[in-house]
């Protein structure tokens, strides 16, 4: 979705999976990660893709639009599983971090709506200084990208 929105708007795009992980799935130290998030959100306009709840409030504090993907759980689990079958590094993932799947990750994806979604929505609702766009299907995602693309073509 972020890549599609970037093509439609021309905005710089940052994928948190790519920014966070070091080669070989090594986690950065917290201070380095926090500084990197500050660098990403310092720009005037951007698209940032990812959950990473430790920095969500800071990112929301600088956002003017939030696109919340609220897709069915089965679709998210299936997409994660299918990505893992390809056994490659995604373009939105850090170099040296080949796609893989684990039962714990699938469980995380399955439980996201129950465990993480309420907190995310609470944070989003607390600070209604932005436009909230909720995408619940692939069709809605395509429609949003098309609207943004049309809008950016008609803007000077």
C-alpha atoms as a PDB file:
ATOM      1  CA  UNK A   1       0.000   0.000   0.000  1.00  0.00           C
ATOM      2  CA  UNK A   2       2.804   2.430   0.879  1.00  0.00           C
ATOM      3  CA  UNK A   3       4.537   1.874  -2.456  1.00  0.00           C
ATOM      4  CA  UNK A   4       1.245   2.431  -4.280  1.00  0.00           C
ATOM      5  CA  UNK A   5       0.594   5.636  -2.331  1.00  0.00           C
ATOM      6  CA  UNK A   6       4.150   6.808  -3.021  1.00  0.00           C
ATOM      7  CA  UNK A   7       3.692   6.302  -6.769  1.00  0.00           C
ATOM      8  CA  UNK A   8       0.380   8.153  -6.624  1.00  0.00           C
ATOM      9  CA  UNK A   9       1.658  11.094  -4.564  1.00  0.00           C
ATOM     10  CA  UNK A  10       5.391  11.290  -5.239  1.00  0.00           C
ATOM     11  CA  UNK A  11       6.078  11.561  -1.504  1.00  0.00           C
ATOM     12  CA  UNK A  12       9.236  10.075   0.032  1.00  0.00           C
ATOM     13  CA  UNK A  13       8.419   6.711   1.586  1.00  0.00           C
ATOM     14  CA  UNK A  14       9.991   4.897   4.485  1.00  0.00           C
ATOM     15  CA  UNK A  15       9.303   1.283   5.368  1.00  0.00           C
ATOM     16  CA  UNK A  16       9.915   0.744   9.063  1.00  0.00           C
ATOM     17  CA  UNK A  17      10.929  -2.882   8.525  1.00  0.00           C
ATOM     18  CA  UNK A  18      13.697  -1.655   6.234  1.00  0.00           C
ATOM     19  CA  UNK A  19      14.707   1.146   8.607  1.00  0.00           C
ATOM     20  CA  UNK A  20      14.625  -0.927  11.798  1.00  0.00           C
ATOM     21  CA  UNK A  21      16.340  -4.227  11.028  1.00  0.00           C
ATOM     22  CA  UNK A  22      20.064  -4.645  10.540  1.00  0.00           C
ATOM     23  CA  UNK A  23      21.322  -7.424   8.203  1.00  0.00           C
ATOM     24  CA  UNK A  24      20.560 -10.913   9.482  1.00  0.00           C
ATOM     25  CA  UNK A  25      17.529  -9.802  11.521  1.00  0.00           C
ATOM     26  CA  UNK A  26      19.664  -7.988  14.102  1.00  0.00           C
ATOM     27  CA  UNK A  27      17.797  -5.406  16.170  1.00  0.00           C
ATOM     28  CA  UNK A  28      19.331  -1.942  16.583  1.00  0.00           C
ATOM     29  CA  UNK A  29      19.988  -0.500  19.999  1.00  0.00           C
ATOM     30  CA  UNK A  30      17.007   1.538  21.267  1.00  0.00           C
ATOM     31  CA  UNK A  31      18.820   4.887  21.167  1.00  0.00           C
ATOM     32  CA  UNK A  32      19.852   4.420  17.524  1.00  0.00           C
ATOM     33  CA  UNK A  33      16.327   3.388  16.578  1.00  0.00           C
ATOM     34  CA  UNK A  34      14.798   6.369  18.357  1.00  0.00           C
ATOM     35  CA  UNK A  35      17.212   8.738  16.600  1.00  0.00           C
ATOM     36  CA  UNK A  36      16.385   7.160  13.237  1.00  0.00           C
ATOM     37  CA  UNK A  37      12.647   7.642  13.812  1.00  0.00           C
ATOM     38  CA  UNK A  38      13.329  11.304  14.638  1.00  0.00           C
ATOM     39  CA  UNK A  39      15.195  11.662  11.324  1.00  0.00           C
ATOM     40  CA  UNK A  40      12.339  10.060   9.388  1.00  0.00           C
ATOM     41  CA  UNK A  41       9.614  12.263  10.851  1.00  0.00           C
ATOM     42  CA  UNK A  42      11.667  15.467  10.625  1.00  0.00           C
ATOM     43  CA  UNK A  43      10.766  15.868   6.956  1.00  0.00           C
ATOM     44  CA  UNK A  44       7.838  18.037   5.990  1.00  0.00           C
ATOM     45  CA  UNK A  45       5.984  15.357   3.986  1.00  0.00           C
ATOM     46  CA  UNK A  46       6.400  11.572   3.937  1.00  0.00           C
ATOM     47  CA  UNK A  47       4.759   8.193   3.965  1.00  0.00           C
ATOM     48  CA  UNK A  48       5.814   5.827   6.727  1.00  0.00           C
ATOM     49  CA  UNK A  49       4.764   2.200   6.543  1.00  0.00           C
ATOM     50  CA  UNK A  50       4.743  -0.069   9.583  1.00  0.00           C
ATOM     51  CA  UNK A  51       3.373  -0.762  13.041  1.00  0.00           C
ATOM     52  CA  UNK A  52       6.275  -0.380  15.493  1.00  0.00           C
ATOM     53  CA  UNK A  53       4.189   0.740  18.450  1.00  0.00           C
ATOM     54  CA  UNK A  54       7.196   2.133  20.344  1.00  0.00           C
ATOM     55  CA  UNK A  55       7.311   5.090  17.950  1.00  0.00           C
ATOM     56  CA  UNK A  56       3.669   5.297  16.920  1.00  0.00           C
ATOM     57  CA  UNK A  57       2.747   8.277  19.103  1.00  0.00           C
ATOM     58  CA  UNK A  58       5.714  10.302  17.807  1.00  0.00           C
ATOM     59  CA  UNK A  59       4.855   9.491  14.205  1.00  0.00           C
ATOM     60  CA  UNK A  60       1.198  10.326  14.731  1.00  0.00           C
ATOM     61  CA  UNK A  61       2.209  13.645  16.273  1.00  0.00           C
ATOM     62  CA  UNK A  62       3.758  14.676  12.929  1.00  0.00           C
ATOM     63  CA  UNK A  63       1.221  13.085  10.570  1.00  0.00           C
ATOM     64  CA  UNK A  64      -1.528  14.919   8.705  1.00  0.00           C
ATOM     65  CA  UNK A  65      -3.134  11.783   7.282  1.00  0.00           C
ATOM     66  CA  UNK A  66      -3.371   8.263   8.671  1.00  0.00           C
ATOM     67  CA  UNK A  67      -4.181   5.351   6.381  1.00  0.00           C
ATOM     68  CA  UNK A  68      -5.231   2.504   8.634  1.00  0.00           C
ATOM     69  CA  UNK A  69      -5.262  -0.903   6.965  1.00  0.00           C
ATOM     70  CA  UNK A  70      -8.027  -2.847   8.668  1.00  0.00           C
ATOM     71  CA  UNK A  71      -8.042  -5.937   6.485  1.00  0.00           C
ATOM     72  CA  UNK A  72      -9.556  -9.300   7.446  1.00  0.00           C
ATOM     73  CA  UNK A  73      -7.290 -11.418   9.639  1.00  0.00           C
ATOM     74  CA  UNK A  74      -7.354 -14.357   7.266  1.00  0.00           C
ATOM     75  CA  UNK A  75      -6.087 -12.167   4.409  1.00  0.00           C
ATOM     76  CA  UNK A  76      -3.187 -10.829   6.518  1.00  0.00           C
ATOM     77  CA  UNK A  77      -2.147 -14.314   7.663  1.00  0.00           C
ATOM     78  CA  UNK A  78      -2.407 -15.676   4.132  1.00  0.00           C
ATOM     79  CA  UNK A  79      -0.311 -12.794   2.748  1.00  0.00           C
ATOM     80  CA  UNK A  80       2.399 -13.342   5.384  1.00  0.00           C
ATOM     81  CA  UNK A  81       2.444 -17.058   4.672  1.00  0.00           C
ATOM     82  CA  UNK A  82       2.613 -16.582   0.903  1.00  0.00           C
ATOM     83  CA  UNK A  83       5.461 -14.055   1.243  1.00  0.00           C
ATOM     84  CA  UNK A  84       7.421 -16.594   3.273  1.00  0.00           C
ATOM     85  CA  UNK A  85       7.159 -19.196   0.514  1.00  0.00           C
ATOM     86  CA  UNK A  86       9.155 -16.928  -1.794  1.00  0.00           C
ATOM     87  CA  UNK A  87      12.135 -16.977   0.621  1.00  0.00           C
ATOM     88  CA  UNK A  88      13.577 -13.696  -0.578  1.00  0.00           C
ATOM     89  CA  UNK A  89      14.216 -10.262   0.811  1.00  0.00           C
ATOM     90  CA  UNK A  90      11.297  -7.926   0.109  1.00  0.00           C
ATOM     91  CA  UNK A  91      12.084  -4.481  -1.313  1.00  0.00           C
ATOM     92  CA  UNK A  92      10.551  -2.948   1.821  1.00  0.00           C
ATOM     93  CA  UNK A  93      12.750  -5.064   4.132  1.00  0.00           C
ATOM     94  CA  UNK A  94      16.310  -4.437   5.242  1.00  0.00           C
ATOM     95  CA  UNK A  95      19.068  -6.066   3.189  1.00  0.00           C
ATOM     96  CA  UNK A  96      20.075  -9.458   4.531  1.00  0.00           C
ATOM     97  CA  UNK A  97      16.674 -10.130   6.086  1.00  0.00           C
ATOM     98  CA  UNK A  98      15.226 -12.935   4.010  1.00  0.00           C
ATOM     99  CA  UNK A  99      11.507 -13.498   4.402  1.00  0.00           C
ATOM    100  CA  UNK A 100      10.682 -16.332   6.766  1.00  0.00           C
ATOM    101  CA  UNK A 101       7.707 -17.416   8.762  1.00  0.00           C
ATOM    102  CA  UNK A 102       7.346 -18.745  12.244  1.00  0.00           C
ATOM    103  CA  UNK A 103       4.326 -19.938  14.187  1.00  0.00           C
ATOM    104  CA  UNK A 104       4.822 -17.038  16.628  1.00  0.00           C
ATOM    105  CA  UNK A 105       4.730 -14.470  13.791  1.00  0.00           C
ATOM    106  CA  UNK A 106       1.607 -16.009  12.269  1.00  0.00           C
ATOM    107  CA  UNK A 107       0.014 -15.909  15.714  1.00  0.00           C
ATOM    108  CA  UNK A 108       1.020 -12.238  16.068  1.00  0.00           C
ATOM    109  CA  UNK A 109      -0.627 -11.456  12.727  1.00  0.00           C
ATOM    110  CA  UNK A 110      -3.750 -13.436  13.625  1.00  0.00           C
ATOM    111  CA  UNK A 111      -4.064 -11.747  17.038  1.00  0.00           C
ATOM    112  CA  UNK A 112      -3.250  -8.230  15.845  1.00  0.00           C
ATOM    113  CA  UNK A 113      -6.900  -7.173  15.682  1.00  0.00           C
ATOM    114  CA  UNK A 114      -7.495  -8.354  19.227  1.00  0.00           C
ATOM    115  CA  UNK A 115      -4.182  -7.407  20.843  1.00  0.00           C
ATOM    116  CA  UNK A 116      -2.790  -4.357  19.006  1.00  0.00           C
ATOM    117  CA  UNK A 117      -5.599  -2.783  16.992  1.00  0.00           C
ATOM    118  CA  UNK A 118      -7.467  -1.322  20.029  1.00  0.00           C
ATOM    119  CA  UNK A 119      -4.355   0.567  21.206  1.00  0.00           C
ATOM    120  CA  UNK A 120      -3.614   1.852  17.713  1.00  0.00           C
ATOM    121  CA  UNK A 121      -7.187   3.069  17.277  1.00  0.00           C
ATOM    122  CA  UNK A 122      -7.158   4.688  20.733  1.00  0.00           C
ATOM    123  CA  UNK A 123      -4.015   6.635  19.819  1.00  0.00           C
ATOM    124  CA  UNK A 124      -5.489   7.635  16.471  1.00  0.00           C
ATOM    125  CA  UNK A 125      -8.766   8.773  18.046  1.00  0.00           C
ATOM    126  CA  UNK A 126      -7.020  10.754  20.821  1.00  0.00           C
ATOM    127  CA  UNK A 127      -5.353  13.085  18.357  1.00  0.00           C
ATOM    128  CA  UNK A 128      -7.857  13.856  15.635  1.00  0.00           C
ATOM    129  CA  UNK A 129      -5.691  16.526  14.002  1.00  0.00           C
ATOM    130  CA  UNK A 130      -5.416  14.495  10.811  1.00  0.00           C
ATOM    131  CA  UNK A 131      -7.501  12.857   8.190  1.00  0.00           C
ATOM    132  CA  UNK A 132      -8.161   9.187   8.987  1.00  0.00           C
ATOM    133  CA  UNK A 133      -8.660   6.864   6.039  1.00  0.00           C
ATOM    134  CA  UNK A 134      -9.582   3.294   6.926  1.00  0.00           C
ATOM    135  CA  UNK A 135      -8.980   0.693   4.215  1.00  0.00           C
ATOM    136  CA  UNK A 136     -10.871  -2.570   4.722  1.00  0.00           C
ATOM    137  CA  UNK A 137     -10.314  -4.341   1.422  1.00  0.00           C
ATOM    138  CA  UNK A 138      -8.009  -4.536  -1.572  1.00  0.00           C
ATOM    139  CA  UNK A 139     -10.670  -2.766  -3.611  1.00  0.00           C
ATOM    140  CA  UNK A 140     -10.710   0.165  -1.177  1.00  0.00           C
ATOM    141  CA  UNK A 141      -6.900   0.278  -1.368  1.00  0.00           C
ATOM    142  CA  UNK A 142      -7.003   0.436  -5.182  1.00  0.00           C
ATOM    143  CA  UNK A 143      -9.728   3.108  -5.096  1.00  0.00           C
ATOM    144  CA  UNK A 144      -7.707   5.230  -2.659  1.00  0.00           C
ATOM    145  CA  UNK A 145      -4.576   4.994  -4.783  1.00  0.00           C
ATOM    146  CA  UNK A 146      -6.541   5.929  -7.893  1.00  0.00           C
ATOM    147  CA  UNK A 147      -8.140   8.949  -6.182  1.00  0.00           C
ATOM    148  CA  UNK A 148      -4.749  10.152  -4.941  1.00  0.00           C
ATOM    149  CA  UNK A 149      -3.182   9.633  -8.344  1.00  0.00           C
ATOM    150  CA  UNK A 150      -5.945  11.638 -10.041  1.00  0.00           C
ATOM    151  CA  UNK A 151      -5.655  14.333  -7.391  1.00  0.00           C
ATOM    152  CA  UNK A 152      -1.873  14.662  -7.756  1.00  0.00           C
ATOM    153  CA  UNK A 153      -2.135  14.813 -11.564  1.00  0.00           C
ATOM    154  CA  UNK A 154      -4.662  17.649 -11.359  1.00  0.00           C
ATOM    155  CA  UNK A 155      -2.628  19.630  -8.774  1.00  0.00           C
ATOM    156  CA  UNK A 156      -0.203  22.228 -10.074  1.00  0.00           C
END
